[in-house]
Protein backbone atom coordinates (compact mmCIF):
# COMPACT_ATOMS: atom_id res chain seq x y z
CA MET A 1 0.22 0.06 -0.22
CA THR A 2 1.00 3.48 -0.49
CA ASP A 3 -0.06 6.26 1.69
CA SER A 4 -1.89 8.91 -0.55
CA THR A 5 -0.16 11.52 1.40
CA ASP A 6 2.90 10.38 0.13
CA LEU A 7 1.65 11.56 -3.53
CA GLY A 8 2.02 15.27 -4.87
CA ALA A 9 -0.65 17.36 -4.66
CA GLU A 10 -1.66 17.12 -8.61
CA ASP A 11 -1.37 13.20 -7.95
CA ARG A 12 -3.53 13.38 -5.07
CA LYS A 13 -6.14 15.47 -6.81
CA ILE A 14 -6.46 13.12 -9.66
CA VAL A 15 -6.97 10.56 -7.30
CA THR A 16 -9.65 12.62 -5.74
CA LEU A 17 -11.26 13.29 -8.71
CA ALA A 18 -11.38 9.66 -9.89
CA ARG A 19 -12.96 8.53 -6.29
CA SER A 20 -15.62 11.43 -6.94
CA ALA A 21 -16.55 10.40 -10.49
CA ARG A 22 -16.95 6.69 -9.24
CA ALA A 23 -19.15 8.08 -6.22
CA ARG A 24 -20.94 10.46 -8.14
CA ASN A 25 -22.17 8.28 -11.05
CA GLY A 26 -22.51 5.06 -9.23
CA VAL A 27 -19.97 2.99 -11.58
CA PRO A 28 -17.73 0.48 -10.58
CA GLU A 29 -14.80 2.58 -11.83
CA GLY A 30 -13.63 6.34 -11.70
CA ALA A 31 -10.60 7.89 -13.37
CA ALA A 32 -8.79 10.59 -14.10
CA VAL A 33 -5.65 11.49 -16.06
CA ARG A 34 -3.51 14.99 -16.32
CA ASP A 35 -2.17 16.03 -19.82
CA GLU A 36 0.83 17.76 -20.19
CA THR A 37 -0.49 21.38 -19.78
CA GLY A 38 -1.98 20.23 -16.35
CA ARG A 39 -5.78 19.82 -17.60
CA THR A 40 -7.67 16.73 -16.17
CA TYR A 41 -9.88 14.90 -17.61
CA VAL A 42 -12.64 12.42 -15.24
CA ALA A 43 -14.55 9.66 -16.50
CA GLY A 44 -16.59 6.60 -15.04
CA THR A 45 -17.00 3.34 -16.76
CA VAL A 46 -18.78 3.09 -20.00
CA ALA A 47 -21.41 0.27 -20.12
CA LEU A 48 -23.70 0.43 -23.20
CA GLU A 49 -25.03 -2.18 -25.03
CA SER A 50 -22.68 -1.25 -28.01
CA LEU A 51 -19.74 0.15 -26.47
CA ARG A 52 -17.81 -0.46 -23.23
CA LEU A 53 -14.83 1.21 -22.07
CA THR A 54 -13.24 1.24 -18.67
CA ALA A 55 -12.76 4.27 -16.64
CA LEU A 56 -9.20 4.98 -17.44
CA GLN A 57 -9.92 4.34 -21.31
CA THR A 58 -12.59 6.85 -21.47
CA ALA A 59 -10.59 9.44 -19.63
CA VAL A 60 -7.81 9.20 -21.98
CA ALA A 61 -10.15 9.23 -24.97
CA MET A 62 -11.64 12.38 -23.40
CA ALA A 63 -8.03 13.86 -23.32
CA VAL A 64 -7.27 12.73 -26.88
CA ALA A 65 -10.69 14.46 -28.14
CA SER A 66 -9.65 17.76 -26.28
CA GLY A 67 -6.39 17.77 -27.98
CA ALA A 68 -3.88 16.52 -25.57
CA THR A 69 -0.79 15.05 -26.80
CA SER A 70 0.93 13.43 -23.90
CA LEU A 71 -0.04 12.65 -20.25
CA GLU A 72 1.60 13.29 -16.88
CA ALA A 73 -0.11 10.77 -14.97
CA ALA A 74 -3.76 8.62 -14.65
CA ALA A 75 -5.40 7.20 -11.77
CA VAL A 76 -8.14 4.76 -11.47
CA VAL A 77 -10.36 3.90 -8.30
CA SER A 78 -11.56 0.49 -8.22
CA ASP A 79 -12.05 -2.47 -6.19
CA ALA A 80 -9.34 -4.25 -8.70
CA GLU A 81 -5.99 -5.74 -7.33
CA SER A 82 -4.07 -4.12 -10.11
CA PRO A 83 -4.55 -1.77 -13.32
CA ALA A 84 -5.68 -3.57 -16.50
CA ASP A 85 -3.57 -4.41 -19.08
CA ALA A 86 -5.82 -2.51 -21.34
CA ASP A 87 -5.94 0.59 -19.18
CA ARG A 88 -2.05 0.74 -19.23
CA ALA A 89 -1.98 0.55 -22.80
CA ALA A 90 -4.25 3.13 -23.41
CA VAL A 91 -2.04 5.43 -21.11
CA ARG A 92 0.99 4.29 -22.53
CA ASP A 93 -0.47 4.96 -26.09
CA LEU A 94 -0.58 8.55 -25.29
CA GLY A 95 1.60 9.21 -22.12
CA GLY A 96 4.58 6.89 -22.92
CA ALA A 97 5.77 3.82 -20.99
CA ASP A 98 7.08 6.05 -18.03
CA THR A 99 3.86 7.60 -17.20
CA PRO A 100 2.60 6.76 -13.58
CA VAL A 101 -0.95 4.98 -13.05
CA PHE A 102 -2.14 5.08 -9.76
CA LEU A 103 -4.91 2.55 -8.67
CA ALA A 104 -6.76 3.42 -5.25
CA GLY A 105 -9.23 1.58 -3.44
CA PRO A 106 -12.75 3.23 -2.91
CA ASP A 107 -11.63 4.93 0.06
CA GLY A 108 -9.06 6.98 -2.04
CA THR A 109 -5.98 4.88 -0.65
CA VAL A 110 -3.52 4.03 -3.31
CA ARG A 111 -2.61 0.58 -3.47
CA VAL A 112 -0.57 0.46 -6.78
CA ARG A 113 1.44 2.65 -8.44
CA VAL A 114 3.01 1.35 -11.84
CA THR A 115 4.19 2.87 -14.82
CA ALA A 116 1.97 2.23 -18.28
CA GLY A 117 4.83 0.51 -20.02
């Protein structure tokens, strides 16, 4: 486990935003990413009959659609034990292999910090 207070202010912010998205929307996961200019994109799980995206895939897609060219960091709040490979791949596609991905539990405690690579 990683104490969320060990994170910098900007990383704590995206974890908090991801947690808020999950709770507000009543979805299995919430996510947030920060782009190269410091803008943040927040999303929840998309579960339509014809479209299924994880929260982190949705946040990355929102960043791309808004013109982001790189990511500084990503966070997902979930009951999962580790970030999904598909989530890490989406972050890696935009942010590169060294982009940090934080996985926090529903209480906001960061459990895992990995890179997208």
